[in-house]
């Protein structure tokens, strides 16, 4: 399957394409397809199947991130995807769930933690 992310320099922090993005209310896969059609000439590719689009400033797609220890709404500047076969981690909070690579970082009050090291009941900082 393919995984998508929003950090060009660190594509290994990735989420399953069916994951909805807070702030956009669309799946990552839907956003990728829409932006790839609209900005086909901006798609960067490598031989491993990795693809990235540096979004023009006119695109206003948002997710939640951290700034100064607080959850903030943050414009997505880069979207990417890559083929992936390997372990994934399912993170569930209430009715919401996220499927991600074990390396994907989440924020807790104690700092960043990789998804693969999280345990049931871990308290995470979330937006939305």
N, C-alpha and C. Protein backbone atom coordinates (compact mmCIF):
# COMPACT_ATOMS: atom_id res chain seq x y z
N UNK A 1 0.82 -1.19 0.00
CA UNK A 1 0.00 0.00 0.00
C UNK A 1 0.85 1.24 0.00
N UNK A 2 0.22 2.36 -0.17
CA UNK A 2 0.93 3.64 -0.17
C UNK A 2 0.67 4.36 1.13
N UNK A 3 1.65 5.08 1.59
CA UNK A 3 1.52 5.92 2.76
C UNK A 3 1.77 7.35 2.34
N UNK A 4 1.16 8.29 3.04
CA UNK A 4 1.32 9.69 2.71
C UNK A 4 1.79 10.45 3.93
N UNK A 5 2.49 11.54 3.70
CA UNK A 5 2.96 12.38 4.79
C UNK A 5 2.98 13.83 4.37
N UNK A 6 3.49 14.70 5.23
CA UNK A 6 3.56 16.10 4.87
C UNK A 6 4.93 16.70 5.17
N UNK A 7 5.95 15.88 5.27
CA UNK A 7 7.30 16.35 5.55
C UNK A 7 8.23 15.80 4.48
N UNK A 8 8.66 16.63 3.54
CA UNK A 8 9.47 16.15 2.42
C UNK A 8 10.79 15.55 2.88
N UNK A 9 11.42 16.16 3.85
CA UNK A 9 12.73 15.68 4.28
C UNK A 9 12.65 14.44 5.16
N UNK A 10 11.48 14.07 5.62
CA UNK A 10 11.33 12.90 6.49
C UNK A 10 10.11 12.09 6.09
N UNK A 11 10.16 11.46 4.90
CA UNK A 11 8.99 10.75 4.42
C UNK A 11 8.66 9.48 5.20
N UNK A 12 9.50 9.11 6.15
CA UNK A 12 9.24 7.90 6.91
C UNK A 12 8.21 8.13 8.01
N UNK A 13 7.89 9.38 8.30
CA UNK A 13 6.80 9.68 9.21
C UNK A 13 5.55 9.75 8.36
N UNK A 14 4.93 8.64 8.18
CA UNK A 14 3.84 8.55 7.22
C UNK A 14 2.59 7.95 7.82
N UNK A 15 1.46 8.27 7.20
CA UNK A 15 0.16 7.76 7.61
C UNK A 15 -0.51 7.09 6.43
N UNK A 16 -1.37 6.16 6.72
CA UNK A 16 -2.16 5.47 5.71
C UNK A 16 -3.01 6.50 4.96
N UNK A 17 -3.14 6.32 3.65
CA UNK A 17 -3.85 7.28 2.81
C UNK A 17 -5.30 7.51 3.17
N UNK A 18 -5.94 6.56 3.84
CA UNK A 18 -7.33 6.72 4.23
C UNK A 18 -7.53 7.58 5.47
N UNK A 19 -6.44 8.03 6.07
CA UNK A 19 -6.51 8.85 7.27
C UNK A 19 -7.06 10.23 6.94
N UNK A 20 -8.05 10.68 7.72
CA UNK A 20 -8.58 12.04 7.53
C UNK A 20 -7.65 13.04 8.20
N UNK A 21 -7.46 14.16 7.52
CA UNK A 21 -6.61 15.22 8.04
C UNK A 21 -7.48 16.19 8.82
N UNK A 22 -7.14 16.41 10.10
CA UNK A 22 -7.86 17.41 10.88
C UNK A 22 -7.66 18.76 10.22
N UNK A 23 -8.70 19.53 10.14
CA UNK A 23 -8.60 20.85 9.54
C UNK A 23 -8.99 20.83 8.07
N UNK A 24 -8.84 19.69 7.39
CA UNK A 24 -9.22 19.60 5.97
C UNK A 24 -10.47 18.74 5.80
N UNK A 25 -10.74 17.86 6.74
CA UNK A 25 -11.88 16.94 6.70
C UNK A 25 -11.91 16.10 5.42
N UNK A 26 -10.74 15.79 4.88
CA UNK A 26 -10.60 14.92 3.72
C UNK A 26 -9.51 13.92 4.04
N UNK A 27 -9.52 12.79 3.34
CA UNK A 27 -8.45 11.82 3.56
C UNK A 27 -7.17 12.31 2.90
N UNK A 28 -6.06 11.79 3.38
CA UNK A 28 -4.77 12.14 2.78
C UNK A 28 -4.74 11.73 1.31
N UNK A 29 -5.32 10.57 1.01
CA UNK A 29 -5.33 10.09 -0.37
C UNK A 29 -6.13 11.03 -1.28
N UNK A 30 -7.28 11.51 -0.80
CA UNK A 30 -8.09 12.44 -1.58
C UNK A 30 -7.33 13.74 -1.83
N UNK A 31 -6.67 14.25 -0.79
CA UNK A 31 -5.89 15.48 -0.94
C UNK A 31 -4.77 15.26 -1.95
N UNK A 32 -4.07 14.11 -1.85
CA UNK A 32 -2.99 13.83 -2.80
C UNK A 32 -3.51 13.84 -4.23
N UNK A 33 -4.58 13.10 -4.48
CA UNK A 33 -5.12 13.00 -5.84
C UNK A 33 -5.54 14.37 -6.38
N UNK A 34 -6.19 15.16 -5.54
CA UNK A 34 -6.64 16.49 -5.95
C UNK A 34 -5.44 17.39 -6.29
N UNK A 35 -4.42 17.39 -5.43
CA UNK A 35 -3.25 18.23 -5.66
C UNK A 35 -2.41 17.72 -6.83
N UNK A 36 -2.33 16.40 -7.00
CA UNK A 36 -1.56 15.83 -8.11
C UNK A 36 -2.19 16.20 -9.45
N UNK A 37 -3.51 16.21 -9.52
CA UNK A 37 -4.19 16.63 -10.76
C UNK A 37 -3.94 18.12 -11.01
N UNK A 38 -4.06 18.90 -9.96
CA UNK A 38 -3.97 20.36 -10.09
C UNK A 38 -2.54 20.83 -10.33
N UNK A 39 -1.56 20.12 -9.76
CA UNK A 39 -0.16 20.55 -9.82
C UNK A 39 0.74 19.44 -10.35
N UNK A 40 0.31 18.78 -11.41
CA UNK A 40 1.06 17.64 -11.97
C UNK A 40 2.51 18.01 -12.30
N UNK A 41 2.75 19.21 -12.75
CA UNK A 41 4.11 19.61 -13.13
C UNK A 41 5.02 19.80 -11.92
N UNK A 42 4.46 19.86 -10.73
CA UNK A 42 5.26 20.06 -9.51
C UNK A 42 5.64 18.76 -8.82
N UNK A 43 5.14 17.62 -9.31
CA UNK A 43 5.42 16.34 -8.65
C UNK A 43 6.88 15.97 -8.85
N UNK A 44 7.57 15.72 -7.74
CA UNK A 44 8.96 15.24 -7.76
C UNK A 44 8.92 13.75 -7.48
N UNK A 45 9.71 12.98 -8.22
CA UNK A 45 9.71 11.51 -8.07
C UNK A 45 11.14 11.00 -7.95
N UNK A 46 11.28 9.83 -7.29
CA UNK A 46 12.57 9.14 -7.32
C UNK A 46 12.33 7.70 -7.78
N UNK A 47 13.40 6.95 -7.91
CA UNK A 47 13.32 5.58 -8.44
C UNK A 47 12.65 4.59 -7.49
N UNK A 48 12.51 4.94 -6.23
CA UNK A 48 11.89 4.05 -5.24
C UNK A 48 10.37 4.21 -5.18
N UNK A 49 9.81 5.07 -6.01
CA UNK A 49 8.37 5.28 -6.01
C UNK A 49 7.92 6.44 -5.14
N UNK A 50 8.87 7.10 -4.48
CA UNK A 50 8.55 8.26 -3.64
C UNK A 50 8.11 9.42 -4.54
N UNK A 51 7.05 10.12 -4.14
CA UNK A 51 6.56 11.29 -4.86
C UNK A 51 6.27 12.40 -3.86
N UNK A 52 6.58 13.64 -4.24
CA UNK A 52 6.32 14.79 -3.37
C UNK A 52 5.84 15.97 -4.19
N UNK A 53 5.02 16.79 -3.56
CA UNK A 53 4.59 18.05 -4.16
C UNK A 53 4.82 19.14 -3.12
N UNK A 54 5.64 20.14 -3.48
CA UNK A 54 5.76 21.33 -2.65
C UNK A 54 4.59 22.22 -3.07
N UNK A 55 3.65 22.40 -2.17
CA UNK A 55 2.41 23.10 -2.52
C UNK A 55 2.64 24.60 -2.68
N UNK A 56 2.04 25.19 -3.70
CA UNK A 56 2.11 26.65 -3.85
C UNK A 56 1.49 27.34 -2.64
N UNK A 57 1.95 28.54 -2.34
CA UNK A 57 1.43 29.28 -1.18
C UNK A 57 -0.08 29.52 -1.26
N UNK A 58 -0.62 29.48 -2.46
CA UNK A 58 -2.06 29.71 -2.63
C UNK A 58 -2.91 28.54 -2.10
N UNK A 59 -2.31 27.37 -1.93
CA UNK A 59 -3.05 26.22 -1.40
C UNK A 59 -3.18 26.35 0.11
N UNK A 60 -4.37 26.24 0.59
CA UNK A 60 -4.65 26.40 2.02
C UNK A 60 -5.23 25.11 2.58
N UNK A 61 -4.36 24.15 2.85
CA UNK A 61 -4.74 22.88 3.46
C UNK A 61 -4.08 22.85 4.84
N UNK A 62 -4.86 22.53 5.85
CA UNK A 62 -4.36 22.63 7.21
C UNK A 62 -4.42 21.30 7.95
N UNK A 63 -3.52 21.16 8.89
CA UNK A 63 -3.51 20.06 9.85
C UNK A 63 -3.13 20.69 11.19
N UNK A 64 -3.08 19.88 12.22
CA UNK A 64 -2.67 20.39 13.52
C UNK A 64 -1.23 20.00 13.79
N UNK A 65 -0.49 20.91 14.39
CA UNK A 65 0.90 20.68 14.74
C UNK A 65 1.20 21.31 16.09
N UNK A 66 2.47 21.31 16.44
CA UNK A 66 2.90 21.89 17.72
C UNK A 66 3.78 23.10 17.46
N UNK A 67 3.58 24.13 18.27
CA UNK A 67 4.45 25.31 18.23
C UNK A 67 4.50 25.88 19.64
N UNK A 68 5.68 25.98 20.18
CA UNK A 68 5.83 26.51 21.52
C UNK A 68 5.08 25.72 22.58
N UNK A 69 4.98 24.40 22.39
CA UNK A 69 4.31 23.55 23.35
C UNK A 69 2.79 23.58 23.27
N UNK A 70 2.26 24.23 22.23
CA UNK A 70 0.80 24.33 22.07
C UNK A 70 0.38 23.73 20.74
N UNK A 71 -0.83 23.19 20.70
CA UNK A 71 -1.41 22.68 19.45
C UNK A 71 -1.86 23.89 18.63
N UNK A 72 -1.41 23.94 17.38
CA UNK A 72 -1.78 25.04 16.49
C UNK A 72 -2.22 24.50 15.14
N UNK A 73 -3.06 25.25 14.47
CA UNK A 73 -3.46 24.92 13.10
C UNK A 73 -2.31 25.35 12.20
N UNK A 74 -1.89 24.45 11.35
CA UNK A 74 -0.68 24.66 10.57
C UNK A 74 -0.93 24.35 9.09
N UNK A 75 -0.49 25.25 8.21
CA UNK A 75 -0.68 25.01 6.78
C UNK A 75 0.25 23.90 6.31
N UNK A 76 -0.29 22.94 5.57
CA UNK A 76 0.53 21.87 4.99
C UNK A 76 1.25 22.46 3.79
N UNK A 77 2.56 22.38 3.80
CA UNK A 77 3.38 22.95 2.74
C UNK A 77 3.84 21.91 1.72
N UNK A 78 3.95 20.67 2.18
CA UNK A 78 4.45 19.59 1.32
C UNK A 78 3.60 18.35 1.57
N UNK A 79 3.23 17.68 0.50
CA UNK A 79 2.60 16.37 0.65
C UNK A 79 3.45 15.37 -0.11
N UNK A 80 3.48 14.16 0.38
CA UNK A 80 4.27 13.14 -0.30
C UNK A 80 3.61 11.78 -0.11
N UNK A 81 4.08 10.85 -0.90
CA UNK A 81 3.63 9.47 -0.72
C UNK A 81 4.74 8.54 -1.19
N UNK A 82 4.66 7.32 -0.70
CA UNK A 82 5.66 6.31 -1.06
C UNK A 82 5.05 4.93 -0.90
N UNK A 83 5.52 3.99 -1.70
CA UNK A 83 5.08 2.60 -1.51
C UNK A 83 5.63 2.11 -0.17
N UNK A 84 4.88 1.29 0.52
CA UNK A 84 5.34 0.80 1.81
C UNK A 84 4.80 -0.60 2.06
N UNK A 85 5.68 -1.48 2.43
CA UNK A 85 5.32 -2.81 2.91
C UNK A 85 6.06 -2.99 4.22
N UNK A 86 5.33 -3.09 5.26
CA UNK A 86 5.96 -3.23 6.56
C UNK A 86 4.93 -3.07 7.66
N UNK A 87 5.44 -3.04 8.86
CA UNK A 87 4.58 -2.93 10.03
C UNK A 87 3.93 -1.55 10.08
N UNK A 88 2.68 -1.51 10.52
CA UNK A 88 2.00 -0.26 10.78
C UNK A 88 1.43 -0.31 12.20
N UNK A 89 1.14 0.85 12.72
CA UNK A 89 0.61 0.98 14.07
C UNK A 89 -0.74 1.69 13.97
N UNK A 90 -1.73 1.17 14.69
CA UNK A 90 -3.05 1.81 14.72
C UNK A 90 -3.18 2.54 16.05
N UNK A 91 -3.37 3.84 15.96
CA UNK A 91 -3.54 4.68 17.15
C UNK A 91 -5.03 5.03 17.22
N UNK A 92 -5.65 4.77 18.37
CA UNK A 92 -7.08 5.05 18.51
C UNK A 92 -7.29 5.96 19.71
N UNK A 93 -8.13 6.98 19.50
CA UNK A 93 -8.50 7.89 20.58
C UNK A 93 -9.98 8.18 20.45
N UNK A 94 -10.78 7.62 21.32
CA UNK A 94 -12.23 7.79 21.22
C UNK A 94 -12.73 7.17 19.94
N UNK A 95 -13.45 7.95 19.13
CA UNK A 95 -13.97 7.46 17.86
C UNK A 95 -13.00 7.67 16.71
N UNK A 96 -11.88 8.29 16.98
CA UNK A 96 -10.91 8.61 15.94
C UNK A 96 -9.78 7.58 15.93
N UNK A 97 -9.28 7.29 14.73
CA UNK A 97 -8.16 6.34 14.61
C UNK A 97 -7.22 6.81 13.51
N UNK A 98 -5.99 6.39 13.61
CA UNK A 98 -4.95 6.76 12.67
C UNK A 98 -4.07 5.54 12.45
N UNK A 99 -3.74 5.23 11.22
CA UNK A 99 -2.81 4.15 10.91
C UNK A 99 -1.54 4.80 10.40
N UNK A 100 -0.41 4.45 11.00
CA UNK A 100 0.84 5.13 10.69
C UNK A 100 2.02 4.17 10.76
N UNK A 101 3.16 4.61 10.27
CA UNK A 101 4.38 3.82 10.41
C UNK A 101 4.85 3.89 11.86
N UNK A 102 5.62 2.89 12.31
CA UNK A 102 6.09 2.90 13.70
C UNK A 102 6.98 4.11 14.02
N UNK A 103 7.61 4.70 13.00
CA UNK A 103 8.53 5.82 13.21
C UNK A 103 7.82 7.16 13.37
N UNK A 104 6.54 7.22 13.02
CA UNK A 104 5.82 8.50 13.06
C UNK A 104 5.79 9.03 14.48
N UNK A 105 6.15 10.30 14.65
CA UNK A 105 6.19 10.90 15.97
C UNK A 105 4.86 11.51 16.38
N UNK A 106 4.55 11.36 17.65
CA UNK A 106 3.40 11.99 18.27
C UNK A 106 3.92 12.79 19.46
N UNK A 107 3.12 13.77 19.89
CA UNK A 107 3.53 14.60 21.02
C UNK A 107 2.79 14.19 22.28
N UNK A 108 3.56 14.11 23.36
CA UNK A 108 2.98 13.89 24.68
C UNK A 108 3.49 15.04 25.55
N UNK A 109 3.03 15.11 26.76
CA UNK A 109 3.52 16.18 27.64
C UNK A 109 5.01 16.04 27.92
N UNK A 110 5.54 14.84 27.70
CA UNK A 110 6.97 14.59 27.93
C UNK A 110 7.79 14.76 26.66
N UNK A 111 7.17 15.18 25.56
CA UNK A 111 7.90 15.37 24.31
C UNK A 111 7.43 14.41 23.23
N UNK A 112 8.27 14.26 22.21
CA UNK A 112 7.92 13.42 21.06
C UNK A 112 8.12 11.94 21.37
N UNK A 113 7.18 11.13 20.86
CA UNK A 113 7.28 9.68 21.02
C UNK A 113 6.93 9.02 19.70
N UNK A 114 7.72 8.03 19.30
CA UNK A 114 7.44 7.28 18.08
C UNK A 114 6.22 6.39 18.29
N UNK A 115 5.39 6.27 17.26
CA UNK A 115 4.16 5.46 17.35
C UNK A 115 4.45 4.05 17.83
N UNK A 116 5.55 3.47 17.36
CA UNK A 116 5.90 2.10 17.74
C UNK A 116 6.22 1.93 19.20
N UNK A 117 6.52 3.03 19.91
CA UNK A 117 6.85 2.94 21.33
C UNK A 117 5.68 3.31 22.23
N UNK A 118 4.56 3.71 21.64
CA UNK A 118 3.40 4.08 22.45
C UNK A 118 2.73 2.84 23.04
N UNK A 119 2.18 2.99 24.22
CA UNK A 119 1.47 1.91 24.89
C UNK A 119 0.02 2.32 25.12
N UNK A 120 -0.84 1.34 25.28
CA UNK A 120 -2.26 1.61 25.56
C UNK A 120 -2.36 2.57 26.74
N UNK A 121 -3.20 3.59 26.59
CA UNK A 121 -3.41 4.56 27.66
C UNK A 121 -2.45 5.74 27.62
N UNK A 122 -1.50 5.74 26.68
CA UNK A 122 -0.56 6.86 26.58
C UNK A 122 -1.35 8.15 26.33
N UNK A 123 -0.97 9.21 27.01
CA UNK A 123 -1.66 10.49 26.85
C UNK A 123 -0.91 11.31 25.80
N UNK A 124 -1.64 11.67 24.75
CA UNK A 124 -1.06 12.41 23.64
C UNK A 124 -1.71 13.78 23.52
N UNK A 125 -0.97 14.70 22.94
CA UNK A 125 -1.51 16.02 22.64
C UNK A 125 -2.18 15.93 21.28
N UNK A 126 -3.45 16.31 21.21
CA UNK A 126 -4.19 16.24 19.94
C UNK A 126 -4.89 17.57 19.68
N UNK A 127 -5.17 17.82 18.41
CA UNK A 127 -5.91 19.02 18.02
C UNK A 127 -7.30 18.66 17.58
N UNK A 128 -8.11 19.68 17.36
CA UNK A 128 -9.45 19.48 16.81
C UNK A 128 -10.36 19.00 17.85
